[in-house]
Amino acid sequence: MQDNLNQMAPVSSLSVDDRSEFIWKCYAHVVGAIFALIAVEYYLFTSGVAGNIAAVMMQSPLAVVIGFIGLSWAAGHMAHRLQSTAAQYAAFAAFVVLWAIMFVPILGFAIVYGQQRGVNIIEDAAIVTVLGCAALIATVMITRKDFSFLRGVMVWGFFIAIGLIVASWALGFNLGTWFSVGMIGFAGVAVLYDTSNIMHHYPQDKYVAASMALFASIAMMFFYILRLFMSRD
């Protein structure tokens, strides 16, 4: 959190107008990334590429779960280290494509699940994700509290999650409903942490990297909310 490589002043020290501009740039980029992700998913599924991707990835479902957690961690990690705006955009674009690929198997199952039950489970999960993230973001913006202390919780949560996934593979037990609930909580903590960093700690030139970190947490929350909804039966 505090290990940014450039020397620009943190956003909390800027004028009200500059700080507001930075924050709105971040949220605009998050929304743009969501639409970009939807566009990539649309292409993958309408072109038939998604079927080939899912066939390969579902040979190791636990690797997909680990990959999703690792991808979210990597995005947050890189957000504090990328210097130039061009590098930030390049990394963000690459991560959006990788997230789109990682989403393919669960979205494919969700489409079939919804068709069998006459529901749009993807839309339901998206609505819950938006409402949950909006509430968490509003909490930070209204209280203006610095949630950087949550970094330790996130580090421990990351290693516990990886440990549980490895244990489930080694011992042969399933990661059930409570794992999804726990990961939704972990993603919620990450949203608080990332939003707090946007309001307090990122330098003015890192609005793209800040957006990437927040988008990673939102994407992870959606993944596990969708997983939870699909496990209800």
Protein backbone atom coordinates (compact mmCIF):
# COMPACT_ATOMS: atom_id res chain seq x y z
CA MET A 1 0.00 0.00 0.00
CA GLN A 2 2.71 2.47 0.93
CA ASP A 3 5.34 1.15 -1.49
CA ASN A 4 4.43 3.22 -4.57
CA LEU A 5 7.55 3.80 -6.60
CA ASN A 6 6.87 7.30 -7.81
CA GLN A 7 7.13 10.33 -5.60
CA MET A 8 3.90 12.15 -6.39
CA ALA A 9 1.80 13.26 -3.44
CA PRO A 10 -1.05 10.92 -2.41
CA VAL A 11 -4.55 11.82 -3.52
CA SER A 12 -5.56 12.76 0.03
CA SER A 13 -3.24 15.77 -0.13
CA LEU A 14 -4.76 17.16 -3.33
CA SER A 15 -7.32 19.93 -3.59
CA VAL A 16 -10.98 18.98 -3.40
CA ASP A 17 -11.45 19.40 -7.17
CA ASP A 18 -8.35 17.36 -8.05
CA ARG A 19 -9.28 14.63 -5.58
CA SER A 20 -12.84 14.44 -6.96
CA GLU A 21 -11.51 14.25 -10.52
CA PHE A 22 -9.16 11.40 -9.57
CA ILE A 23 -11.92 9.43 -7.84
CA TRP A 24 -14.36 9.82 -10.72
CA LYS A 25 -11.67 8.82 -13.22
CA CYS A 26 -11.16 5.62 -11.23
CA TYR A 27 -14.84 4.72 -11.19
CA ALA A 28 -15.22 5.58 -14.88
CA HIS A 29 -12.38 3.19 -15.71
CA VAL A 30 -13.94 0.45 -13.57
CA VAL A 31 -17.25 0.82 -15.42
CA GLY A 32 -15.41 0.86 -18.75
CA ALA A 33 -13.57 -2.34 -17.81
CA ILE A 34 -16.87 -4.03 -16.92
CA PHE A 35 -18.28 -3.22 -20.37
CA ALA A 36 -15.03 -4.38 -21.98
CA LEU A 37 -15.26 -7.68 -20.07
CA ILE A 38 -18.85 -8.16 -21.23
CA ALA A 39 -17.80 -7.49 -24.83
CA VAL A 40 -14.97 -10.05 -24.66
CA GLU A 41 -17.29 -12.64 -23.10
CA TYR A 42 -19.87 -12.00 -25.82
CA TYR A 43 -17.25 -12.63 -28.48
CA LEU A 44 -15.96 -15.79 -26.79
CA PHE A 45 -19.42 -17.33 -26.47
CA THR A 46 -20.87 -16.26 -29.84
CA SER A 47 -17.75 -17.34 -31.73
CA GLY A 48 -17.66 -20.77 -30.10
CA VAL A 49 -14.21 -20.18 -28.63
CA ALA A 50 -15.66 -20.39 -25.11
CA GLY A 51 -16.45 -24.08 -25.56
CA ASN A 52 -12.83 -24.92 -26.34
CA ILE A 53 -11.58 -22.83 -23.44
CA ALA A 54 -13.99 -24.44 -21.00
CA ALA A 55 -13.08 -27.95 -22.16
CA VAL A 56 -9.43 -27.31 -21.32
CA MET A 57 -9.97 -25.43 -18.08
CA MET A 58 -12.50 -27.86 -16.59
CA GLN A 59 -9.91 -30.63 -16.65
CA SER A 60 -8.69 -28.98 -13.45
CA PRO A 61 -11.52 -27.01 -11.75
CA LEU A 62 -9.42 -26.27 -8.65
CA ALA A 63 -6.74 -24.71 -10.83
CA VAL A 64 -9.43 -22.32 -12.10
CA VAL A 65 -10.32 -21.32 -8.53
CA ILE A 66 -6.66 -20.81 -7.63
CA GLY A 67 -6.10 -18.93 -10.86
CA PHE A 68 -8.93 -16.54 -10.12
CA ILE A 69 -7.63 -15.72 -6.65
CA GLY A 70 -4.09 -15.40 -7.98
CA LEU A 71 -5.21 -13.14 -10.84
CA SER A 72 -6.98 -10.79 -8.43
CA TRP A 73 -3.94 -10.70 -6.15
CA ALA A 74 -1.60 -10.04 -9.08
CA ALA A 75 -3.72 -7.12 -10.31
CA GLY A 76 -3.65 -5.49 -6.89
CA HIS A 77 0.07 -6.16 -6.54
CA MET A 78 0.93 -4.63 -9.91
CA ALA A 79 -1.29 -1.62 -9.31
CA HIS A 80 1.25 -0.32 -6.79
CA ARG A 81 4.25 -0.86 -9.04
CA LEU A 82 3.33 0.26 -12.55
CA GLN A 83 4.74 3.68 -13.33
CA SER A 84 3.69 5.03 -16.71
CA THR A 85 0.06 5.49 -17.71
CA ALA A 86 0.71 3.45 -20.88
CA ALA A 87 1.95 0.51 -18.79
CA GLN A 88 -1.09 0.78 -16.55
CA TYR A 89 -3.46 0.67 -19.54
CA ALA A 90 -1.60 -2.26 -21.08
CA ALA A 91 -1.73 -4.25 -17.86
CA PHE A 92 -5.40 -3.42 -17.29
CA ALA A 93 -6.31 -4.54 -20.82
CA ALA A 94 -4.35 -7.77 -20.41
CA PHE A 95 -6.00 -8.51 -17.08
CA VAL A 96 -9.49 -7.89 -18.49
CA VAL A 97 -8.83 -10.48 -21.21
CA LEU A 98 -7.47 -12.94 -18.64
CA TRP A 99 -10.49 -12.40 -16.39
CA ALA A 100 -12.77 -13.00 -19.35
CA ILE A 101 -11.05 -16.32 -20.01
CA MET A 102 -11.20 -17.32 -16.34
CA PHE A 103 -14.94 -16.56 -16.25
CA VAL A 104 -15.74 -18.81 -19.22
CA PRO A 105 -16.33 -22.12 -17.36
CA ILE A 106 -18.55 -20.74 -14.60
CA LEU A 107 -20.52 -18.56 -17.03
CA GLY A 108 -21.07 -21.58 -19.26
CA PHE A 109 -22.42 -23.60 -16.33
CA ALA A 110 -24.53 -20.64 -15.21
CA ILE A 111 -26.13 -20.35 -18.66
CA VAL A 112 -27.09 -24.05 -18.61
CA TYR A 113 -28.24 -23.77 -14.97
CA GLY A 114 -30.46 -20.82 -15.84
CA GLN A 115 -31.95 -22.49 -18.91
CA GLN A 116 -32.86 -25.60 -16.91
CA ARG A 117 -34.55 -23.59 -14.16
CA GLY A 118 -35.95 -20.70 -16.13
CA VAL A 119 -33.91 -18.06 -14.30
CA ASN A 120 -31.17 -15.63 -15.24
CA ILE A 121 -28.69 -16.48 -12.53
CA ILE A 122 -25.93 -14.38 -14.11
CA GLU A 123 -28.11 -11.27 -13.95
CA ASP A 124 -29.10 -12.06 -10.35
CA ALA A 125 -25.46 -12.45 -9.31
CA ALA A 126 -24.52 -9.25 -11.13
CA ILE A 127 -27.24 -7.27 -9.35
CA VAL A 128 -26.19 -8.56 -5.94
CA THR A 129 -22.55 -7.78 -6.76
CA VAL A 130 -23.36 -4.23 -7.85
CA LEU A 131 -25.51 -3.56 -4.78
CA GLY A 132 -22.93 -5.06 -2.41
CA CYS A 133 -20.00 -3.18 -3.92
CA ALA A 134 -21.98 0.06 -4.06
CA ALA A 135 -22.73 -0.26 -0.34
CA LEU A 136 -19.08 -0.94 0.50
CA ILE A 137 -17.82 1.92 -1.67
CA ALA A 138 -20.42 4.26 -0.17
CA THR A 139 -19.28 3.25 3.31
CA VAL A 140 -15.74 4.38 2.57
CA MET A 141 -16.81 7.56 0.82
CA ILE A 142 -19.26 8.61 3.53
CA THR A 143 -17.11 7.74 6.54
CA ARG A 144 -13.83 8.73 4.80
CA LYS A 145 -12.17 6.14 7.02
CA ASP A 146 -8.76 4.80 6.05
CA PHE A 147 -9.12 1.02 5.72
CA SER A 148 -5.48 0.39 4.91
CA PHE A 149 -5.24 -1.65 8.13
CA LEU A 150 -7.17 -4.38 6.31
CA ARG A 151 -4.07 -5.29 4.30
CA GLY A 152 -3.03 -7.83 6.94
CA VAL A 153 -6.48 -9.43 6.85
CA MET A 154 -6.22 -9.73 3.09
CA VAL A 155 -2.77 -11.31 3.21
CA TRP A 156 -3.88 -13.92 5.74
CA GLY A 157 -7.15 -14.49 3.86
CA PHE A 158 -5.25 -15.09 0.64
CA PHE A 159 -3.01 -17.76 2.17
CA ILE A 160 -5.89 -19.41 4.02
CA ALA A 161 -7.90 -19.62 0.79
CA ILE A 162 -4.99 -21.12 -1.11
CA GLY A 163 -4.39 -23.55 1.75
CA LEU A 164 -8.01 -24.72 1.70
CA ILE A 165 -7.94 -25.21 -2.06
CA VAL A 166 -4.73 -27.24 -1.91
CA ALA A 167 -6.11 -29.29 1.01
CA SER A 168 -9.32 -30.01 -0.88
CA TRP A 169 -7.27 -31.29 -3.81
CA ALA A 170 -4.96 -33.39 -1.64
CA LEU A 171 -7.64 -34.80 0.67
CA GLY A 172 -10.45 -35.09 -1.84
CA PHE A 173 -13.13 -32.95 -0.19
CA ASN A 174 -15.30 -30.37 -1.94
CA LEU A 175 -15.10 -26.64 -1.41
CA GLY A 176 -18.71 -26.09 -0.49
CA THR A 177 -21.06 -23.24 0.25
CA TRP A 178 -19.13 -21.87 3.21
CA PHE A 179 -16.00 -21.47 1.14
CA SER A 180 -17.93 -19.31 -1.33
CA VAL A 181 -19.41 -17.30 1.55
CA GLY A 182 -15.95 -16.78 3.01
CA MET A 183 -14.52 -15.69 -0.34
CA ILE A 184 -17.38 -13.23 -0.83
CA GLY A 185 -16.47 -11.76 2.55
CA PHE A 186 -12.80 -11.67 1.51
CA ALA A 187 -13.72 -9.85 -1.71
CA GLY A 188 -15.78 -7.39 0.31
CA VAL A 189 -12.76 -6.62 2.48
CA ALA A 190 -10.72 -6.11 -0.71
CA VAL A 191 -13.30 -3.65 -2.07
CA LEU A 192 -13.10 -1.63 1.16
CA TYR A 193 -9.31 -1.68 1.04
CA ASP A 194 -9.06 -0.71 -2.62
CA THR A 195 -11.65 2.06 -2.31
CA SER A 196 -9.82 3.42 0.73
CA ASN A 197 -6.56 3.46 -1.23
CA ILE A 198 -8.28 5.36 -4.04
CA MET A 199 -9.43 8.01 -1.60
CA HIS A 200 -6.25 8.25 0.45
CA HIS A 201 -3.07 6.70 -0.89
CA TYR A 202 -2.71 6.42 -4.67
CA PRO A 203 -0.75 9.24 -6.35
CA GLN A 204 -2.60 11.38 -8.87
CA ASP A 205 -1.12 9.66 -11.95
CA LYS A 206 -2.21 6.15 -10.97
CA TYR A 207 -5.94 6.33 -11.61
CA VAL A 208 -5.73 3.46 -14.13
CA ALA A 209 -3.81 1.19 -11.75
CA ALA A 210 -6.17 2.08 -8.90
CA SER A 211 -9.13 1.17 -11.11
CA MET A 212 -7.50 -2.16 -11.98
CA ALA A 213 -7.12 -3.10 -8.32
CA LEU A 214 -10.75 -2.24 -7.51
CA PHE A 215 -12.02 -4.04 -10.61
CA ALA A 216 -10.12 -7.16 -9.55
CA SER A 217 -11.92 -7.21 -6.21
CA ILE A 218 -15.33 -6.65 -7.82
CA ALA A 219 -14.68 -9.42 -10.35
CA MET A 220 -13.72 -11.82 -7.56
CA MET A 221 -16.89 -10.98 -5.64
CA PHE A 222 -19.04 -11.64 -8.70
CA PHE A 223 -17.29 -14.97 -9.32
CA TYR A 224 -18.03 -16.26 -5.82
CA ILE A 225 -21.56 -14.86 -5.64
CA LEU A 226 -22.30 -16.69 -8.89
CA ARG A 227 -20.67 -19.83 -7.48
CA LEU A 228 -22.77 -19.52 -4.33
CA PHE A 229 -26.02 -19.11 -6.27
CA MET A 230 -25.22 -22.19 -8.35
CA SER A 231 -24.64 -24.28 -5.23
CA ARG A 232 -28.07 -23.62 -3.73
CA ASP A 233 -29.49 -26.87 -5.13
